[in-house]
Amino acid sequence: MDGPPEHGGKNQGPRPMEMLLMGMGGCTAFDVIHILQKYRQQVSDCVVELTAERAQSEPKVFTKIHGHFIVSGSKLDSAKVERAIQLSAEKYCSASIMLGKTADITYDYEIVDV
């Protein structure tokens, strides 16, 4: 991790708040793959592209987070992909659930057939 020069950093790594988002992305992607495997889906990859907005005043918590899932595999069932994302968001991904206490979290997805 790093920070801006005006706070003693060198801009050579992600900021702590960016790390929180990365943690959420990794957590939910792991869940989605695991759930799809339990559904016997031939999933090969899951990438989550996250965008976020933060409060204007201190504490500058996340107020909006959007996750765009790119799920790759062979003959994936879109209803199962959607359900896996929902289960991760509502039940399994501790990072998403925690960040959801201050942020409105939305998701969408696309399926890439490989």
PDB file of N, CA and C in Angstrom:
ATOM      1  N   MET A   1       0.843  -1.179   0.000  1.00  0.00           N
ATOM      2  CA  MET A   1       0.000   0.000   0.000  1.00  0.00           C
ATOM      3  C   MET A   1       0.879   1.228   0.000  1.00  0.00           C
ATOM      4  N   ASP A   2       0.297   2.297  -0.476  1.00  0.00           N
ATOM      5  CA  ASP A   2       1.021   3.563  -0.485  1.00  0.00           C
ATOM      6  C   ASP A   2      -0.006   4.688  -0.429  1.00  0.00           C
ATOM      7  N   GLY A   3       0.503   5.885  -0.428  1.00  0.00           N
ATOM      8  CA  GLY A   3      -0.359   7.057  -0.384  1.00  0.00           C
ATOM      9  C   GLY A   3       0.242   8.177  -1.202  1.00  0.00           C
ATOM     10  N   PRO A   4      -0.423   9.326  -1.211  1.00  0.00           N
ATOM     11  CA  PRO A   4       0.066  10.462  -1.984  1.00  0.00           C
ATOM     12  C   PRO A   4       1.278  11.111  -1.313  1.00  0.00           C
ATOM     13  N   PRO A   5       2.117  11.781  -2.096  1.00  0.00           N
ATOM     14  CA  PRO A   5       3.307  12.425  -1.535  1.00  0.00           C
ATOM     15  C   PRO A   5       2.986  13.424  -0.421  1.00  0.00           C
ATOM     16  N   GLU A   6       1.850  14.122  -0.536  1.00  0.00           N
ATOM     17  CA  GLU A   6       1.514  15.103   0.497  1.00  0.00           C
ATOM     18  C   GLU A   6       1.220  14.464   1.859  1.00  0.00           C
ATOM     19  N   HIS A   7       1.077  13.141   1.869  1.00  0.00           N
ATOM     20  CA  HIS A   7       0.897  12.419   3.131  1.00  0.00           C
ATOM     21  C   HIS A   7       2.063  11.474   3.405  1.00  0.00           C
ATOM     22  N   GLY A   8       3.185  11.702   2.746  1.00  0.00           N
ATOM     23  CA  GLY A   8       4.379  10.900   2.985  1.00  0.00           C
ATOM     24  C   GLY A   8       4.520   9.678   2.097  1.00  0.00           C
ATOM     25  N   GLY A   9       3.618   9.500   1.148  1.00  0.00           N
ATOM     26  CA  GLY A   9       3.678   8.346   0.257  1.00  0.00           C
ATOM     27  C   GLY A   9       4.436   8.641  -1.017  1.00  0.00           C
ATOM     28  N   LYS A  10       4.495   7.656  -1.889  1.00  0.00           N
ATOM     29  CA  LYS A  10       5.201   7.785  -3.167  1.00  0.00           C
ATOM     30  C   LYS A  10       4.338   7.386  -4.357  1.00  0.00           C
ATOM     31  N   ASN A  11       3.045   7.208  -4.151  1.00  0.00           N
ATOM     32  CA  ASN A  11       2.140   6.792  -5.232  1.00  0.00           C
ATOM     33  C   ASN A  11       2.612   5.517  -5.925  1.00  0.00           C
ATOM     34  N   GLN A  12       3.116   4.559  -5.158  1.00  0.00           N
ATOM     35  CA  GLN A  12       3.645   3.339  -5.766  1.00  0.00           C
ATOM     36  C   GLN A  12       2.809   2.098  -5.453  1.00  0.00           C
ATOM     37  N   GLY A  13       1.647   2.293  -4.910  1.00  0.00           N
ATOM     38  CA  GLY A  13       0.796   1.151  -4.600  1.00  0.00           C
ATOM     39  C   GLY A  13      -0.623   1.612  -4.357  1.00  0.00           C
ATOM     40  N   PRO A  14      -1.522   0.669  -4.192  1.00  0.00           N
ATOM     41  CA  PRO A  14      -2.916   1.040  -3.950  1.00  0.00           C
ATOM     42  C   PRO A  14      -3.090   1.706  -2.588  1.00  0.00           C
ATOM     43  N   ARG A  15      -4.077   2.566  -2.520  1.00  0.00           N
ATOM     44  CA  ARG A  15      -4.442   3.222  -1.265  1.00  0.00           C
ATOM     45  C   ARG A  15      -5.180   2.210  -0.379  1.00  0.00           C
ATOM     46  N   PRO A  16      -5.233   2.443   0.920  1.00  0.00           N
ATOM     47  CA  PRO A  16      -5.946   1.518   1.803  1.00  0.00           C
ATOM     48  C   PRO A  16      -7.404   1.296   1.397  1.00  0.00           C
ATOM     49  N   MET A  17      -8.111   2.342   1.000  1.00  0.00           N
ATOM     50  CA  MET A  17      -9.510   2.169   0.597  1.00  0.00           C
ATOM     51  C   MET A  17      -9.620   1.368  -0.702  1.00  0.00           C
ATOM     52  N   GLU A  18      -8.658   1.501  -1.584  1.00  0.00           N
ATOM     53  CA  GLU A  18      -8.639   0.680  -2.793  1.00  0.00           C
ATOM     54  C   GLU A  18      -8.441  -0.791  -2.431  1.00  0.00           C
ATOM     55  N   MET A  19      -7.635  -1.029  -1.406  1.00  0.00           N
ATOM     56  CA  MET A  19      -7.419  -2.402  -0.943  1.00  0.00           C
ATOM     57  C   MET A  19      -8.721  -3.011  -0.424  1.00  0.00           C
ATOM     58  N   LEU A  20      -9.538  -2.196   0.247  1.00  0.00           N
ATOM     59  CA  LEU A  20     -10.837  -2.694   0.699  1.00  0.00           C
ATOM     60  C   LEU A  20     -11.676  -3.168  -0.480  1.00  0.00           C
ATOM     61  N   LEU A  21     -11.711  -2.360  -1.544  1.00  0.00           N
ATOM     62  CA  LEU A  21     -12.461  -2.765  -2.737  1.00  0.00           C
ATOM     63  C   LEU A  21     -11.879  -4.022  -3.365  1.00  0.00           C
ATOM     64  N   MET A  22     -10.558  -4.111  -3.423  1.00  0.00           N
ATOM     65  CA  MET A  22      -9.931  -5.314  -3.977  1.00  0.00           C
ATOM     66  C   MET A  22     -10.295  -6.539  -3.150  1.00  0.00           C
ATOM     67  N   GLY A  23     -10.330  -6.369  -1.837  1.00  0.00           N
ATOM     68  CA  GLY A  23     -10.717  -7.473  -0.964  1.00  0.00           C
ATOM     69  C   GLY A  23     -12.143  -7.925  -1.241  1.00  0.00           C
ATOM     70  N   MET A  24     -13.038  -6.961  -1.425  1.00  0.00           N
ATOM     71  CA  MET A  24     -14.421  -7.296  -1.742  1.00  0.00           C
ATOM     72  C   MET A  24     -14.503  -8.030  -3.082  1.00  0.00           C
ATOM     73  N   GLY A  25     -13.785  -7.533  -4.078  1.00  0.00           N
ATOM     74  CA  GLY A  25     -13.797  -8.170  -5.395  1.00  0.00           C
ATOM     75  C   GLY A  25     -13.287  -9.597  -5.340  1.00  0.00           C
ATOM     76  N   GLY A  26     -12.190  -9.796  -4.628  1.00  0.00           N
ATOM     77  CA  GLY A  26     -11.631 -11.143  -4.498  1.00  0.00           C
ATOM     78  C   GLY A  26     -12.554 -12.073  -3.738  1.00  0.00           C
ATOM     79  N   CYS A  27     -13.146 -11.581  -2.679  1.00  0.00           N
ATOM     80  CA  CYS A  27     -14.055 -12.375  -1.855  1.00  0.00           C
ATOM     81  C   CYS A  27     -15.261 -12.839  -2.664  1.00  0.00           C
ATOM     82  N   THR A  28     -15.892 -11.917  -3.349  1.00  0.00           N
ATOM     83  CA  THR A  28     -17.109 -12.268  -4.074  1.00  0.00           C
ATOM     84  C   THR A  28     -16.802 -13.125  -5.313  1.00  0.00           C
ATOM     85  N   ALA A  29     -15.690 -12.879  -5.985  1.00  0.00           N
ATOM     86  CA  ALA A  29     -15.320 -13.713  -7.138  1.00  0.00           C
ATOM     87  C   ALA A  29     -15.063 -15.150  -6.698  1.00  0.00           C
ATOM     88  N   PHE A  30     -14.372 -15.304  -5.580  1.00  0.00           N
ATOM     89  CA  PHE A  30     -14.106 -16.644  -5.042  1.00  0.00           C
ATOM     90  C   PHE A  30     -15.418 -17.353  -4.747  1.00  0.00           C
ATOM     91  N   ASP A  31     -16.349 -16.636  -4.090  1.00  0.00           N
ATOM     92  CA  ASP A  31     -17.661 -17.222  -3.787  1.00  0.00           C
ATOM     93  C   ASP A  31     -18.379 -17.674  -5.044  1.00  0.00           C
ATOM     94  N   VAL A  32     -18.428 -16.807  -6.047  1.00  0.00           N
ATOM     95  CA  VAL A  32     -19.169 -17.109  -7.269  1.00  0.00           C
ATOM     96  C   VAL A  32     -18.608 -18.358  -7.938  1.00  0.00           C
ATOM     97  N   ILE A  33     -17.306 -18.465  -8.043  1.00  0.00           N
ATOM     98  CA  ILE A  33     -16.702 -19.662  -8.640  1.00  0.00           C
ATOM     99  C   ILE A  33     -17.051 -20.899  -7.822  1.00  0.00           C
ATOM    100  N   HIS A  34     -16.924 -20.799  -6.513  1.00  0.00           N
ATOM    101  CA  HIS A  34     -17.206 -21.943  -5.632  1.00  0.00           C
ATOM    102  C   HIS A  34     -18.672 -22.386  -5.750  1.00  0.00           C
ATOM    103  N   ILE A  35     -19.588 -21.430  -5.736  1.00  0.00           N
ATOM    104  CA  ILE A  35     -21.010 -21.751  -5.847  1.00  0.00           C
ATOM    105  C   ILE A  35     -21.316 -22.380  -7.209  1.00  0.00           C
ATOM    106  N   LEU A  36     -20.762 -21.807  -8.275  1.00  0.00           N
ATOM    107  CA  LEU A  36     -21.007 -22.367  -9.609  1.00  0.00           C
ATOM    108  C   LEU A  36     -20.449 -23.787  -9.739  1.00  0.00           C
ATOM    109  N   GLN A  37     -19.320 -24.040  -9.108  1.00  0.00           N
ATOM    110  CA  GLN A  37     -18.778 -25.399  -9.119  1.00  0.00           C
ATOM    111  C   GLN A  37     -19.719 -26.360  -8.390  1.00  0.00           C
ATOM    112  N   LYS A  38     -20.321 -25.906  -7.284  1.00  0.00           N
ATOM    113  CA  LYS A  38     -21.301 -26.739  -6.577  1.00  0.00           C
ATOM    114  C   LYS A  38     -22.528 -27.002  -7.448  1.00  0.00           C
ATOM    115  N   TYR A  39     -22.872 -26.033  -8.300  1.00  0.00           N
ATOM    116  CA  TYR A  39     -23.976 -26.205  -9.251  1.00  0.00           C
ATOM    117  C   TYR A  39     -23.562 -27.050 -10.461  1.00  0.00           C
ATOM    118  N   ARG A  40     -22.342 -27.552 -10.434  1.00  0.00           N
ATOM    119  CA  ARG A  40     -21.783 -28.375 -11.514  1.00  0.00           C
ATOM    120  C   ARG A  40     -21.706 -27.616 -12.848  1.00  0.00           C
ATOM    121  N   GLN A  41     -21.415 -26.330 -12.736  1.00  0.00           N
ATOM    122  CA  GLN A  41     -21.217 -25.506 -13.925  1.00  0.00           C
ATOM    123  C   GLN A  41     -19.744 -25.562 -14.316  1.00  0.00           C
ATOM    124  N   GLN A  42     -19.474 -25.493 -15.596  1.00  0.00           N
ATOM    125  CA  GLN A  42     -18.095 -25.537 -16.085  1.00  0.00           C
ATOM    126  C   GLN A  42     -17.536 -24.117 -16.135  1.00  0.00           C
ATOM    127  N   VAL A  43     -17.305 -23.551 -14.958  1.00  0.00           N
ATOM    128  CA  VAL A  43     -16.794 -22.187 -14.843  1.00  0.00           C
ATOM    129  C   VAL A  43     -15.272 -22.216 -14.880  1.00  0.00           C
ATOM    130  N   SER A  44     -14.676 -21.277 -15.610  1.00  0.00           N
ATOM    131  CA  SER A  44     -13.216 -21.237 -15.701  1.00  0.00           C
ATOM    132  C   SER A  44     -12.621 -19.954 -15.134  1.00  0.00           C
ATOM    133  N   ASP A  45     -13.435 -18.887 -15.014  1.00  0.00           N
ATOM    134  CA  ASP A  45     -12.880 -17.624 -14.521  1.00  0.00           C
ATOM    135  C   ASP A  45     -14.020 -16.709 -14.073  1.00  0.00           C
ATOM    136  N   CYS A  46     -13.692 -15.834 -13.158  1.00  0.00           N
ATOM    137  CA  CYS A  46     -14.623 -14.801 -12.719  1.00  0.00           C
ATOM    138  C   CYS A  46     -13.811 -13.554 -12.390  1.00  0.00           C
ATOM    139  N   VAL A  47     -14.081 -12.493 -13.114  1.00  0.00           N
ATOM    140  CA  VAL A  47     -13.427 -11.205 -12.884  1.00  0.00           C
ATOM    141  C   VAL A  47     -14.513 -10.234 -12.443  1.00  0.00           C
ATOM    142  N   VAL A  48     -14.213  -9.435 -11.433  1.00  0.00           N
ATOM    143  CA  VAL A  48     -15.170  -8.434 -10.966  1.00  0.00           C
ATOM    144  C   VAL A  48     -14.541  -7.058 -11.131  1.00  0.00           C
ATOM    145  N   GLU A  49     -15.140  -6.243 -11.986  1.00  0.00           N
ATOM    146  CA  GLU A  49     -14.693  -4.865 -12.176  1.00  0.00           C
ATOM    147  C   GLU A  49     -15.522  -3.985 -11.248  1.00  0.00           C
ATOM    148  N   LEU A  50     -14.859  -3.303 -10.327  1.00  0.00           N
ATOM    149  CA  LEU A  50     -15.563  -2.502  -9.324  1.00  0.00           C
ATOM    150  C   LEU A  50     -15.387  -1.014  -9.570  1.00  0.00           C
ATOM    151  N   THR A  51     -16.470  -0.277  -9.411  1.00  0.00           N
ATOM    152  CA  THR A  51     -16.421   1.182  -9.400  1.00  0.00           C
ATOM    153  C   THR A  51     -17.097   1.622  -8.109  1.00  0.00           C
ATOM    154  N   ALA A  52     -16.654   2.745  -7.584  1.00  0.00           N
ATOM    155  CA  ALA A  52     -17.199   3.175  -6.298  1.00  0.00           C
ATOM    156  C   ALA A  52     -17.211   4.687  -6.175  1.00  0.00           C
ATOM    157  N   GLU A  53     -18.097   5.150  -5.314  1.00  0.00           N
ATOM    158  CA  GLU A  53     -18.155   6.558  -4.934  1.00  0.00           C
ATOM    159  C   GLU A  53     -17.992   6.634  -3.426  1.00  0.00           C
ATOM    160  N   ARG A  54     -17.375   7.742  -2.978  1.00  0.00           N
ATOM    161  CA  ARG A  54     -17.164   7.939  -1.548  1.00  0.00           C
ATOM    162  C   ARG A  54     -17.836   9.216  -1.084  1.00  0.00           C
ATOM    163  N   ALA A  55     -18.110   9.270   0.201  1.00  0.00           N
ATOM    164  CA  ALA A  55     -18.701  10.464   0.806  1.00  0.00           C
ATOM    165  C   ALA A  55     -17.759  11.645   0.616  1.00  0.00           C
ATOM    166  N   GLN A  56     -18.335  12.833   0.513  1.00  0.00           N
ATOM    167  CA  GLN A  56     -17.541  14.051   0.314  1.00  0.00           C
ATOM    168  C   GLN A  56     -16.841  14.508   1.591  1.00  0.00           C
ATOM    169  N   SER A  57     -17.412  14.187   2.759  1.00  0.00           N
ATOM    170  CA  SER A  57     -16.827  14.640   4.023  1.00  0.00           C
ATOM    171  C   SER A  57     -16.356  13.441   4.848  1.00  0.00           C
ATOM    172  N   GLU A  58     -15.539  13.736   5.834  1.00  0.00           N
ATOM    173  CA  GLU A  58     -14.984  12.693   6.713  1.00  0.00           C
ATOM    174  C   GLU A  58     -16.088  12.086   7.566  1.00  0.00           C
ATOM    175  N   PRO A  59     -16.084  10.830   7.812  1.00  0.00           N
ATOM    176  CA  PRO A  59     -15.213   9.828   7.197  1.00  0.00           C
ATOM    177  C   PRO A  59     -15.672   9.550   5.768  1.00  0.00           C
ATOM    178  N   LYS A  60     -14.758   9.476   4.868  1.00  0.00           N
ATOM    179  CA  LYS A  60     -15.079   9.323   3.446  1.00  0.00           C
ATOM    180  C   LYS A  60     -15.329   7.852   3.105  1.00  0.00           C
ATOM    181  N   VAL A  61     -16.429   7.347   3.671  1.00  0.00           N
ATOM    182  CA  VAL A  61     -16.805   5.946   3.456  1.00  0.00           C
ATOM    183  C   VAL A  61     -17.327   5.768   2.034  1.00  0.00           C
ATOM    184  N   PHE A  62     -17.365   4.534   1.599  1.00  0.00           N
ATOM    185  CA  PHE A  62     -17.982   4.247   0.311  1.00  0.00           C
ATOM    186  C   PHE A  62     -19.491   4.426   0.443  1.00  0.00           C
ATOM    187  N   THR A  63     -20.077   5.109  -0.525  1.00  0.00           N
ATOM    188  CA  THR A  63     -21.530   5.309  -0.532  1.00  0.00           C
ATOM    189  C   THR A  63     -22.203   4.536  -1.655  1.00  0.00           C
ATOM    190  N   LYS A  64     -21.476   4.259  -2.723  1.00  0.00           N
ATOM    191  CA  LYS A  64     -21.987   3.470  -3.839  1.00  0.00           C
ATOM    192  C   LYS A  64     -20.865   2.583  -4.366  1.00  0.00           C
ATOM    193  N   ILE A  65     -21.201   1.332  -4.611  1.00  0.00           N
ATOM    194  CA  ILE A  65     -20.249   0.388  -5.206  1.00  0.00           C
ATOM    195  C   ILE A  65     -21.009  -0.400  -6.267  1.00  0.00           C
ATOM    196  N   HIS A  66     -20.397  -0.520  -7.439  1.00  0.00           N
ATOM    197  CA  HIS A  66     -20.998  -1.347  -8.487  1.00  0.00           C
ATOM    198  C   HIS A  66     -19.985  -2.401  -8.914  1.00  0.00           C
ATOM    199  N   GLY A  67     -20.436  -3.643  -8.944  1.00  0.00           N
ATOM    200  CA  GLY A  67     -19.599  -4.749  -9.398  1.00  0.00           C
ATOM    201  C   GLY A  67     -20.103  -5.296 -10.714  1.00  0.00           C
ATOM    202  N   HIS A  68     -19.232  -5.300 -11.703  1.00  0.00           N
ATOM    203  CA  HIS A  68     -19.562  -5.900 -13.003  1.00  0.00           C
ATOM    204  C   HIS A  68     -18.802  -7.218 -13.087  1.00  0.00           C
ATOM    205  N   PHE A  69     -19.550  -8.322 -13.058  1.00  0.00           N
ATOM    206  CA  PHE A  69     -18.966  -9.655 -13.099  1.00  0.00           C
ATOM    207  C   PHE A  69     -18.814 -10.101 -14.543  1.00  0.00           C
ATOM    208  N   ILE A  70     -17.651 -10.623 -14.863  1.00  0.00           N
ATOM    209  CA  ILE A  70     -17.393 -11.250 -16.151  1.00  0.00           C
ATOM    210  C   ILE A  70     -17.074 -12.708 -15.827  1.00  0.00           C
ATOM    211  N   VAL A  71     -18.056 -13.566 -16.071  1.00  0.00           N
ATOM    212  CA  VAL A  71     -17.942 -14.979 -15.700  1.00  0.00           C
ATOM    213  C   VAL A  71     -17.723 -15.793 -16.970  1.00  0.00           C
ATOM    214  N   SER A  72     -16.641 -16.538 -16.988  1.00  0.00           N
ATOM    215  CA  SER A  72     -16.277 -17.330 -18.166  1.00  0.00           C
ATOM    216  C   SER A  72     -16.436 -18.807 -17.873  1.00  0.00           C
ATOM    217  N   GLY A  73     -16.837 -19.535 -18.919  1.00  0.00           N
ATOM    218  CA  GLY A  73     -16.976 -20.972 -18.797  1.00  0.00           C
ATOM    219  C   GLY A  73     -17.662 -21.541 -20.017  1.00  0.00           C
ATOM    220  N   SER A  74     -17.977 -22.801 -19.921  1.00  0.00           N
ATOM    221  CA  SER A  74     -18.618 -23.498 -21.023  1.00  0.00           C
ATOM    222  C   SER A  74     -20.079 -23.783 -20.680  1.00  0.00           C
ATOM    223  N   LYS A  75     -20.983 -23.265 -21.513  1.00  0.00           N
ATOM    224  CA  LYS A  75     -22.423 -23.513 -21.368  1.00  0.00           C
ATOM    225  C   LYS A  75     -22.948 -23.141 -19.986  1.00  0.00           C
ATOM    226  N   LEU A  76     -22.539 -21.983 -19.474  1.00  0.00           N
ATOM    227  CA  LEU A  76     -23.002 -21.546 -18.164  1.00  0.00           C
ATOM    228  C   LEU A  76     -24.480 -21.170 -18.202  1.00  0.00           C
ATOM    229  N   ASP A  77     -25.194 -21.562 -17.184  1.00  0.00           N
ATOM    230  CA  ASP A  77     -26.618 -21.252 -17.034  1.00  0.00           C
ATOM    231  C   ASP A  77     -26.727 -19.859 -16.406  1.00  0.00           C
ATOM    232  N   SER A  78     -27.315 -18.905 -17.124  1.00  0.00           N
ATOM    233  CA  SER A  78     -27.366 -17.529 -16.624  1.00  0.00           C
ATOM    234  C   SER A  78     -28.140 -17.415 -15.311  1.00  0.00           C
ATOM    235  N   ALA A  79     -29.164 -18.222 -15.115  1.00  0.00           N
ATOM    236  CA  ALA A  79     -29.913 -18.183 -13.847  1.00  0.00           C
ATOM    237  C   ALA A  79     -29.026 -18.629 -12.688  1.00  0.00           C
ATOM    238  N   LYS A  80     -28.162 -19.597 -12.929  1.00  0.00           N
ATOM    239  CA  LYS A  80     -27.253 -20.065 -11.874  1.00  0.00           C
ATOM    240  C   LYS A  80     -26.161 -19.037 -11.602  1.00  0.00           C
ATOM    241  N   VAL A  81     -25.687 -18.369 -12.639  1.00  0.00           N
ATOM    242  CA  VAL A  81     -24.699 -17.297 -12.439  1.00  0.00           C
ATOM    243  C   VAL A  81     -25.323 -16.181 -11.608  1.00  0.00           C
ATOM    244  N   GLU A  82     -26.521 -15.774 -11.980  1.00  0.00           N
ATOM    245  CA  GLU A  82     -27.209 -14.717 -11.233  1.00  0.00           C
ATOM    246  C   GLU A  82     -27.437 -15.125  -9.781  1.00  0.00           C
ATOM    247  N   ARG A  83     -27.839 -16.362  -9.555  1.00  0.00           N
ATOM    248  CA  ARG A  83     -28.068 -16.848  -8.187  1.00  0.00           C
ATOM    249  C   ARG A  83     -26.771 -16.899  -7.397  1.00  0.00           C
ATOM    250  N   ALA A  84     -25.681 -17.313  -8.021  1.00  0.00           N
ATOM    251  CA  ALA A  84     -24.387 -17.361  -7.334  1.00  0.00           C
ATOM    252  C   ALA A  84     -23.964 -15.966  -6.890  1.00  0.00           C
ATOM    253  N   ILE A  85     -24.159 -14.981  -7.754  1.00  0.00           N
ATOM    254  CA  ILE A  85     -23.815 -13.593  -7.409  1.00  0.00           C
ATOM    255  C   ILE A  85     -24.688 -13.116  -6.249  1.00  0.00           C
ATOM    256  N   GLN A  86     -25.972 -13.430  -6.312  1.00  0.00           N
ATOM    257  CA  GLN A  86     -26.898 -13.029  -5.249  1.00  0.00           C
ATOM    258  C   GLN A  86     -26.522 -13.674  -3.918  1.00  0.00           C
ATOM    259  N   LEU A  87     -26.220 -14.958  -3.931  1.00  0.00           N
ATOM    260  CA  LEU A  87     -25.830 -15.645  -2.692  1.00  0.00           C
ATOM    261  C   LEU A  87     -24.559 -15.057  -2.102  1.00  0.00           C
ATOM    262  N   SER A  88     -23.601 -14.758  -2.958  1.00  0.00           N
ATOM    263  CA  SER A  88     -22.374 -14.143  -2.474  1.00  0.00           C
ATOM    264  C   SER A  88     -22.677 -12.817  -1.803  1.00  0.00           C
ATOM    265  N   ALA A  89     -23.466 -11.980  -2.473  1.00  0.00           N
ATOM    266  CA  ALA A  89     -23.765 -10.636  -1.966  1.00  0.00           C
ATOM    267  C   ALA A  89     -24.570 -10.654  -0.677  1.00  0.00           C
ATOM    268  N   GLU A  90     -25.499 -11.588  -0.569  1.00  0.00           N
ATOM    269  CA  GLU A  90     -26.428 -11.570   0.558  1.00  0.00           C
ATOM    270  C   GLU A  90     -26.061 -12.485   1.711  1.00  0.00           C
ATOM    271  N   LYS A  91     -25.213 -13.499   1.440  1.00  0.00           N
ATOM    272  CA  LYS A  91     -24.972 -14.494   2.477  1.00  0.00           C
ATOM    273  C   LYS A  91     -23.504 -14.792   2.772  1.00  0.00           C
ATOM    274  N   TYR A  92     -22.677 -14.892   1.740  1.00  0.00           N
ATOM    275  CA  TYR A  92     -21.341 -15.441   1.940  1.00  0.00           C
ATOM    276  C   TYR A  92     -20.188 -14.435   1.976  1.00  0.00           C
ATOM    277  N   CYS A  93     -20.239 -13.383   1.192  1.00  0.00           N
ATOM    278  CA  CYS A  93     -19.087 -12.478   1.113  1.00  0.00           C
ATOM    279  C   CYS A  93     -19.119 -11.471   2.260  1.00  0.00           C
ATOM    280  N   SER A  94     -18.329 -11.747   3.270  1.00  0.00           N
ATOM    281  CA  SER A  94     -18.284 -10.870   4.447  1.00  0.00           C
ATOM    282  C   SER A  94     -17.880  -9.453   4.083  1.00  0.00           C
ATOM    283  N   ALA A  95     -16.981  -9.311   3.133  1.00  0.00           N
ATOM    284  CA  ALA A  95     -16.524  -7.975   2.730  1.00  0.00           C
ATOM    285  C   ALA A  95     -17.670  -7.181   2.111  1.00  0.00           C
ATOM    286  N   SER A  96     -18.434  -7.795   1.217  1.00  0.00           N
ATOM    287  CA  SER A  96     -19.575  -7.113   0.599  1.00  0.00           C
ATOM    288  C   SER A  96     -20.618  -6.747   1.638  1.00  0.00           C
ATOM    289  N   ILE A  97     -20.896  -7.673   2.524  1.00  0.00           N
ATOM    290  CA  ILE A  97     -21.915  -7.430   3.547  1.00  0.00           C
ATOM    291  C   ILE A  97     -21.476  -6.297   4.472  1.00  0.00           C
ATOM    292  N   MET A  98     -20.210  -6.267   4.843  1.00  0.00           N
ATOM    293  CA  MET A  98     -19.697  -5.203   5.703  1.00  0.00           C
ATOM    294  C   MET A  98     -19.753  -3.854   4.982  1.00  0.00           C
ATOM    295  N   LEU A  99     -19.265  -3.794   3.746  1.00  0.00           N
ATOM    296  CA  LEU A  99     -19.276  -2.533   3.009  1.00  0.00           C
ATOM    297  C   LEU A  99     -20.696  -2.085   2.684  1.00  0.00           C
ATOM    298  N   GLY A 100     -21.610  -3.022   2.610  1.00  0.00           N
ATOM    299  CA  GLY A 100     -23.002  -2.704   2.362  1.00  0.00           C
ATOM    300  C   GLY A 100     -23.673  -1.957   3.505  1.00  0.00           C
ATOM    301  N   LYS A 101     -23.017  -1.859   4.645  1.00  0.00           N
ATOM    302  CA  LYS A 101     -23.556  -1.100   5.777  1.00  0.00           C
ATOM    303  C   LYS A 101     -23.516   0.401   5.505  1.00  0.00           C
ATOM    304  N   THR A 102     -22.616   0.846   4.617  1.00  0.00           N
ATOM    305  CA  THR A 102     -22.537   2.278   4.295  1.00  0.00           C
ATOM    306  C   THR A 102     -22.763   2.558   2.817  1.00  0.00           C
ATOM    307  N   ALA A 103     -22.666   1.529   1.984  1.00  0.00           N
ATOM    308  CA  ALA A 103     -22.746   1.744   0.537  1.00  0.00           C
ATOM    309  C   ALA A 103     -23.921   0.995  -0.073  1.00  0.00           C
ATOM    310  N   ASP A 104     -24.504   1.610  -1.073  1.00  0.00           N
ATOM    311  CA  ASP A 104     -25.495   0.939  -1.908  1.00  0.00           C
ATOM    312  C   ASP A 104     -24.702   0.119  -2.922  1.00  0.00           C
ATOM    313  N   ILE A 105     -24.817  -1.204  -2.857  1.00  0.00           N
ATOM    314  CA  ILE A 105     -24.032  -2.078  -3.718  1.00  0.00           C
ATOM    315  C   ILE A 105     -24.943  -2.678  -4.779  1.00  0.00           C
ATOM    316  N   THR A 106     -24.538  -2.507  -6.037  1.00  0.00           N
ATOM    317  CA  THR A 106     -25.273  -3.069  -7.158  1.00  0.00           C
ATOM    318  C   THR A 106     -24.340  -3.962  -7.966  1.00  0.00           C
ATOM    319  N   TYR A 107     -24.940  -4.853  -8.731  1.00  0.00           N
ATOM    320  CA  TYR A 107     -24.172  -5.793  -9.542  1.00  0.00           C
ATOM    321  C   TYR A 107     -24.835  -5.975 -10.894  1.00  0.00           C
ATOM    322  N   ASP A 108     -24.038  -6.309 -11.885  1.00  0.00           N
ATOM    323  CA  ASP A 108     -24.535  -6.856 -13.123  1.00  0.00           C
ATOM    324  C   ASP A 108     -23.490  -7.875 -13.582  1.00  0.00           C
ATOM    325  N   TYR A 109     -23.802  -8.584 -14.653  1.00  0.00           N
ATOM    326  CA  TYR A 109     -22.858  -9.611 -15.077  1.00  0.00           C
ATOM    327  C   TYR A 109     -22.965  -9.845 -16.578  1.00  0.00           C
ATOM    328  N   GLU A 110     -21.921 -10.435 -17.088  1.00  0.00           N
ATOM    329  CA  GLU A 110     -21.915 -10.948 -18.449  1.00  0.00           C
ATOM    330  C   GLU A 110     -21.277 -12.316 -18.420  1.00  0.00           C
ATOM    331  N   ILE A 111     -21.695 -13.144 -19.333  1.00  0.00           N
ATOM    332  CA  ILE A 111     -21.154 -14.502 -19.432  1.00  0.00           C
ATOM    333  C   ILE A 111     -20.360 -14.616 -20.716  1.00  0.00           C
ATOM    334  N   VAL A 112     -19.152 -15.129 -20.604  1.00  0.00           N
ATOM    335  CA  VAL A 112     -18.284 -15.356 -21.749  1.00  0.00           C
ATOM    336  C   VAL A 112     -18.164 -16.860 -21.940  1.00  0.00           C
ATOM    337  N   ASP A 113     -18.643 -17.337 -23.077  1.00  0.00           N
ATOM    338  CA  ASP A 113     -18.579 -18.761 -23.375  1.00  0.00           C
ATOM    339  C   ASP A 113     -17.209 -19.094 -23.953  1.00  0.00           C
ATOM    340  N   VAL A 114     -16.503 -19.976 -23.287  1.00  0.00           N
ATOM    341  CA  VAL A 114     -15.164 -20.365 -23.775  1.00  0.00           C
ATOM    342  C   VAL A 114     -15.113 -21.847 -24.073  1.00  0.00           C
TER     343      VAL A 114
END
